[in-house]
Amino acid sequence: MLPLIALQLTIAGLIFSALIIAVELGFRRGAARRAQGEKDDHLSTIQGALLGLLALLLGFSFAGASSRFIERQDILVREANAVASAYARADALPEAPRAEVRAVLRAYTEDRMALFRDVSNRSEPEIISRLDRHHEAAWRIAVAESRQDRALLALLLPALDQISDLLNLREAASRRHLPFAVLALLLGSAAVSMFAVGHGQGLSGHRSRTSVVALAVLVAACLWITVDLDHPRLGLIRISPAPLESLLESMNADQPATPAPVS
């Protein structure tokens, strides 16, 4: 966890440092032009336009990252609900296949937790393969039993099918991030805007370090949180595994699994 925190703090520090450097370069450029007798007749208009554009870009990017974060959390809750439903509906099976299906679903949940903890993604293909095998095993048992009891077709198979659908949905959602071009545009707009702020102070001859630092901190924090939200497996703001943990505890206690409430 410590290397992760250090990495995130380093990223935040680099963004803040880049903005401060942009302000300083702008101030020196403005001071040089002021020494040559130039004035800031239209600079305030340009500054306002640049800061307005930056606010617009930050707002849309933050909203997109936030919605993707909420979507990923919702998929996790729905996946836990689907596994819990299948686990509970397995009670309709005869004793031997019921025990097999529940054991497979328990193994599925354990591997799903392992996938959640695999921050580096090095083991993801192997874990995904195991999850697919668990699902196929439970599906084969349910189909075999459904041939003798057709009512199981409408009871157990839909829940198992939903598990597979949600796993695929989770994989797709985990690959949706802020495009690199948009991120580069955000950083570039922030640097240019801060350069313009410093340039205006240099032309006017009045420098307010407190306000500039405060602005740089806020912009850097917004940029960092936007990136952090968009990578919930790597960032400090992470999706809660509570639904899967609660489900696994219920399974291990051999109690009927109760779907996790959607918040």
Protein backbone atom coordinates (compact mmCIF):
# COMPACT_ATOMS: atom_id res chain seq x y z
CA MET A 1 0.00 0.00 0.00
CA LEU A 2 2.88 2.38 0.80
CA PRO A 3 4.39 2.26 -2.73
CA LEU A 4 0.91 3.01 -4.10
CA ILE A 5 0.51 6.04 -1.83
CA ALA A 6 4.01 7.21 -2.75
CA LEU A 7 3.20 6.88 -6.45
CA GLN A 8 -0.03 8.85 -6.12
CA LEU A 9 1.62 11.59 -4.07
CA THR A 10 4.42 11.75 -6.64
CA ILE A 11 1.89 12.21 -9.46
CA ALA A 12 0.08 14.93 -7.52
CA GLY A 13 3.39 16.62 -6.72
CA LEU A 14 4.50 16.55 -10.36
CA ILE A 15 1.23 18.12 -11.52
CA PHE A 16 1.48 20.85 -8.87
CA SER A 17 5.15 21.50 -9.68
CA ALA A 18 4.38 21.78 -13.40
CA LEU A 19 1.69 24.38 -12.70
CA ILE A 20 3.96 26.41 -10.42
CA ILE A 21 6.70 26.34 -13.06
CA ALA A 22 4.18 27.55 -15.65
CA VAL A 23 3.21 30.45 -13.36
CA GLU A 24 6.84 31.36 -12.78
CA LEU A 25 7.66 31.30 -16.48
CA GLY A 26 4.61 33.42 -17.20
CA PHE A 27 5.56 35.92 -14.50
CA ARG A 28 9.09 36.30 -15.83
CA ARG A 29 7.80 36.74 -19.36
CA GLY A 30 5.30 39.35 -18.18
CA ALA A 31 7.92 41.18 -16.12
CA ALA A 32 10.23 41.31 -19.13
CA ARG A 33 7.50 42.76 -21.33
CA ARG A 34 6.58 45.27 -18.60
CA ALA A 35 10.21 46.42 -18.52
CA GLN A 36 9.85 47.11 -22.24
CA GLY A 37 6.86 49.35 -21.57
CA GLU A 38 4.07 47.00 -22.70
CA LYS A 39 0.65 47.01 -20.98
CA ASP A 40 -1.99 44.35 -20.20
CA ASP A 41 -4.92 45.93 -22.05
CA HIS A 42 -6.55 42.70 -23.24
CA LEU A 43 -4.78 40.11 -21.11
CA SER A 44 -7.54 39.89 -18.49
CA THR A 45 -10.02 38.84 -21.20
CA ILE A 46 -7.66 36.11 -22.40
CA GLN A 47 -7.06 34.95 -18.84
CA GLY A 48 -10.78 34.67 -18.20
CA ALA A 49 -11.33 32.74 -21.43
CA LEU A 50 -8.49 30.32 -20.66
CA LEU A 51 -9.63 29.71 -17.07
CA GLY A 52 -13.22 29.28 -18.28
CA LEU A 53 -12.10 26.70 -20.85
CA LEU A 54 -10.06 24.89 -18.19
CA ALA A 55 -13.06 24.81 -15.84
CA LEU A 56 -15.25 23.40 -18.61
CA LEU A 57 -12.74 20.67 -19.48
CA LEU A 58 -12.21 19.78 -15.83
CA GLY A 59 -15.93 19.67 -15.18
CA PHE A 60 -16.71 17.30 -18.05
CA SER A 61 -13.69 15.09 -17.33
CA PHE A 62 -14.43 14.87 -13.62
CA ALA A 63 -18.10 14.08 -14.28
CA GLY A 64 -17.13 11.32 -16.72
CA ALA A 65 -14.60 9.77 -14.34
CA SER A 66 -17.08 9.95 -11.47
CA SER A 67 -19.85 8.27 -13.48
CA ARG A 68 -17.50 5.47 -14.56
CA PHE A 69 -16.44 4.95 -10.95
CA ILE A 70 -20.07 4.67 -9.81
CA GLU A 71 -20.83 2.33 -12.72
CA ARG A 72 -17.99 -0.01 -11.70
CA GLN A 73 -19.19 -0.08 -8.11
CA ASP A 74 -22.73 -0.80 -9.27
CA ILE A 75 -21.53 -3.69 -11.46
CA LEU A 76 -19.73 -5.19 -8.46
CA VAL A 77 -22.90 -5.00 -6.34
CA ARG A 78 -25.01 -6.50 -9.13
CA GLU A 79 -22.47 -9.30 -9.60
CA ALA A 80 -22.57 -10.13 -5.90
CA ASN A 81 -26.37 -10.13 -6.06
CA ALA A 82 -26.36 -12.52 -9.04
CA VAL A 83 -23.99 -14.98 -7.36
CA ALA A 84 -26.02 -14.77 -4.14
CA SER A 85 -29.25 -15.45 -6.03
CA ALA A 86 -27.75 -18.47 -7.82
CA TYR A 87 -26.37 -19.75 -4.52
CA ALA A 88 -29.77 -19.46 -2.85
CA ARG A 89 -31.68 -20.95 -5.82
CA ALA A 90 -29.38 -23.97 -5.81
CA ASP A 91 -31.42 -25.07 -2.81
CA ALA A 92 -33.97 -26.40 -5.33
CA LEU A 93 -31.44 -29.00 -6.55
CA PRO A 94 -31.06 -32.48 -5.06
CA GLU A 95 -28.50 -32.74 -2.27
CA ALA A 96 -25.47 -33.90 -4.30
CA PRO A 97 -25.69 -31.40 -7.20
CA ARG A 98 -26.70 -28.67 -4.76
CA ALA A 99 -23.47 -29.16 -2.82
CA GLU A 100 -21.46 -29.19 -6.07
CA VAL A 101 -23.04 -25.99 -7.42
CA ARG A 102 -22.58 -24.17 -4.13
CA ALA A 103 -18.96 -25.30 -3.88
CA VAL A 104 -18.33 -24.01 -7.41
CA LEU A 105 -20.03 -20.69 -6.63
CA ARG A 106 -17.97 -20.36 -3.46
CA ALA A 107 -14.78 -20.95 -5.47
CA TYR A 108 -16.04 -18.42 -8.03
CA THR A 109 -16.48 -15.79 -5.32
CA GLU A 110 -13.04 -16.51 -3.85
CA ASP A 111 -11.43 -16.07 -7.28
CA ARG A 112 -13.50 -12.95 -7.86
CA MET A 113 -12.03 -11.51 -4.67
CA ALA A 114 -8.57 -12.54 -5.88
CA LEU A 115 -9.22 -10.63 -9.11
CA PHE A 116 -10.27 -7.60 -7.08
CA ARG A 117 -7.02 -7.72 -5.09
CA ASP A 118 -4.84 -8.20 -8.21
CA VAL A 119 -3.88 -4.54 -8.54
CA SER A 120 -1.00 -5.26 -10.93
CA ASN A 121 -3.28 -7.16 -13.37
CA ARG A 122 -0.50 -9.72 -13.82
CA SER A 123 -2.72 -12.64 -12.84
CA GLU A 124 -5.91 -11.31 -14.45
CA PRO A 125 -5.94 -13.67 -17.51
CA GLU A 126 -5.42 -16.72 -15.28
CA ILE A 127 -8.08 -15.65 -12.78
CA ILE A 128 -10.57 -14.82 -15.56
CA SER A 129 -9.96 -18.28 -17.02
CA ARG A 130 -10.70 -19.89 -13.65
CA LEU A 131 -13.86 -17.83 -13.29
CA ASP A 132 -15.04 -19.01 -16.71
CA ARG A 133 -14.35 -22.62 -15.74
CA HIS A 134 -16.28 -22.24 -12.48
CA HIS A 135 -19.23 -20.78 -14.35
CA GLU A 136 -19.16 -23.55 -16.97
CA ALA A 137 -19.06 -26.21 -14.25
CA ALA A 138 -22.08 -24.74 -12.45
CA TRP A 139 -23.89 -24.32 -15.78
CA ARG A 140 -23.32 -27.99 -16.77
CA ILE A 141 -24.67 -29.25 -13.46
CA ALA A 142 -27.72 -26.98 -13.66
CA VAL A 143 -28.45 -28.01 -17.28
CA ALA A 144 -28.13 -31.71 -16.42
CA GLU A 145 -30.56 -31.34 -13.54
CA SER A 146 -32.93 -29.21 -15.62
CA ARG A 147 -33.45 -32.14 -17.98
CA GLN A 148 -35.11 -33.98 -15.13
CA ASP A 149 -36.87 -30.94 -13.66
CA ARG A 150 -37.87 -28.37 -16.29
CA ALA A 151 -38.80 -25.85 -13.59
CA LEU A 152 -35.09 -25.35 -12.90
CA LEU A 153 -34.69 -23.83 -16.36
CA ALA A 154 -36.58 -20.75 -15.23
CA LEU A 155 -35.13 -20.76 -11.71
CA LEU A 156 -31.40 -21.40 -11.70
CA LEU A 157 -30.17 -20.93 -15.27
CA PRO A 158 -31.12 -17.22 -15.57
CA ALA A 159 -29.15 -16.42 -12.40
CA LEU A 160 -26.09 -18.28 -13.71
CA ASP A 161 -26.41 -16.56 -17.08
CA GLN A 162 -26.49 -13.15 -15.37
CA ILE A 163 -23.23 -13.95 -13.56
CA SER A 164 -21.47 -14.46 -16.89
CA ASP A 165 -22.99 -11.31 -18.38
CA LEU A 166 -21.90 -9.18 -15.43
CA LEU A 167 -18.36 -10.56 -15.53
CA ASN A 168 -18.11 -9.55 -19.19
CA LEU A 169 -19.60 -6.16 -18.33
CA ARG A 170 -17.02 -5.74 -15.56
CA GLU A 171 -14.16 -6.50 -17.98
CA ALA A 172 -15.49 -3.93 -20.46
CA ALA A 173 -15.96 -1.28 -17.74
CA SER A 174 -12.44 -1.83 -16.38
CA ARG A 175 -11.01 -0.83 -19.77
CA ARG A 176 -12.94 2.42 -20.11
CA HIS A 177 -10.74 5.34 -19.10
CA LEU A 178 -10.19 8.97 -19.96
CA PRO A 179 -8.51 9.00 -23.42
CA PHE A 180 -4.87 10.00 -23.35
CA ALA A 181 -5.53 12.85 -25.79
CA VAL A 182 -8.12 14.33 -23.42
CA LEU A 183 -5.79 13.97 -20.45
CA ALA A 184 -3.00 15.68 -22.39
CA LEU A 185 -5.43 18.47 -23.33
CA LEU A 186 -6.36 18.91 -19.67
CA LEU A 187 -2.74 19.17 -18.55
CA GLY A 188 -1.88 21.49 -21.42
CA SER A 189 -4.86 23.76 -20.72
CA ALA A 190 -3.97 23.90 -17.04
CA ALA A 191 -0.35 24.82 -17.81
CA VAL A 192 -1.32 27.50 -20.36
CA SER A 193 -3.92 28.97 -17.99
CA MET A 194 -1.42 29.18 -15.13
CA PHE A 195 1.14 30.70 -17.50
CA ALA A 196 -1.41 33.37 -18.40
CA VAL A 197 -2.07 34.09 -14.72
CA GLY A 198 1.64 34.51 -14.04
CA HIS A 199 2.06 36.58 -17.18
CA GLY A 200 -0.68 38.96 -16.05
CA GLN A 201 0.94 39.43 -12.66
CA GLY A 202 4.28 40.07 -14.31
CA LEU A 203 2.80 42.75 -16.57
CA SER A 204 0.94 44.44 -13.72
CA GLY A 205 3.94 44.37 -11.39
CA HIS A 206 1.85 42.98 -8.52
CA ARG A 207 2.47 39.41 -7.41
CA SER A 208 0.20 37.47 -5.04
CA ARG A 209 1.95 34.23 -4.17
CA THR A 210 -0.81 33.05 -1.83
CA SER A 211 -3.59 33.28 -4.40
CA VAL A 212 -1.45 31.72 -7.14
CA VAL A 213 -0.39 28.81 -4.94
CA ALA A 214 -4.00 28.28 -3.82
CA LEU A 215 -5.16 28.23 -7.44
CA ALA A 216 -2.38 25.82 -8.42
CA VAL A 217 -3.28 23.51 -5.52
CA LEU A 218 -6.96 23.45 -6.48
CA VAL A 219 -6.29 22.83 -10.18
CA ALA A 220 -3.69 20.15 -9.42
CA ALA A 221 -6.06 18.48 -6.94
CA CYS A 222 -8.89 18.43 -9.49
CA LEU A 223 -6.61 16.94 -12.14
CA TRP A 224 -5.21 14.33 -9.78
CA ILE A 225 -8.61 13.26 -8.40
CA THR A 226 -10.01 13.00 -11.94
CA VAL A 227 -7.20 10.61 -12.91
CA ASP A 228 -7.45 8.76 -9.59
CA LEU A 229 -11.21 8.20 -9.95
CA ASP A 230 -10.69 6.87 -13.46
CA HIS A 231 -8.32 4.13 -12.21
CA PRO A 232 -10.06 2.67 -9.12
CA ARG A 233 -7.85 -0.43 -9.07
CA LEU A 234 -4.64 1.62 -8.89
CA GLY A 235 -5.66 4.87 -7.21
CA LEU A 236 -6.26 5.83 -3.60
CA ILE A 237 -10.01 6.21 -4.24
CA ARG A 238 -10.96 2.57 -4.68
CA ILE A 239 -14.11 0.52 -5.18
CA SER A 240 -15.30 -1.16 -2.00
CA PRO A 241 -15.22 -5.00 -2.05
CA ALA A 242 -17.77 -5.13 0.80
CA PRO A 243 -20.52 -6.88 -1.27
CA LEU A 244 -18.18 -9.73 -2.24
CA GLU A 245 -16.73 -9.98 1.28
CA SER A 246 -20.19 -10.18 2.81
CA LEU A 247 -21.26 -12.80 0.28
CA LEU A 248 -18.17 -14.92 0.89
CA GLU A 249 -18.67 -14.77 4.65
CA SER A 250 -22.24 -15.93 4.21
CA MET A 251 -21.15 -18.81 1.96
CA ASN A 252 -18.39 -19.90 4.34
CA ALA A 253 -20.87 -19.92 7.20
CA ASP A 254 -23.12 -22.20 5.09
CA GLN A 255 -25.98 -19.74 5.39
CA PRO A 256 -28.40 -18.79 2.62
CA ALA A 257 -26.82 -15.94 0.71
CA THR A 258 -28.71 -12.67 0.83
CA PRO A 259 -28.27 -10.26 -2.09
CA ALA A 260 -26.33 -7.15 -1.16
CA PRO A 261 -28.46 -3.99 -1.14
CA VAL A 262 -27.88 -1.62 -4.01
CA SER A 263 -26.95 1.81 -2.66
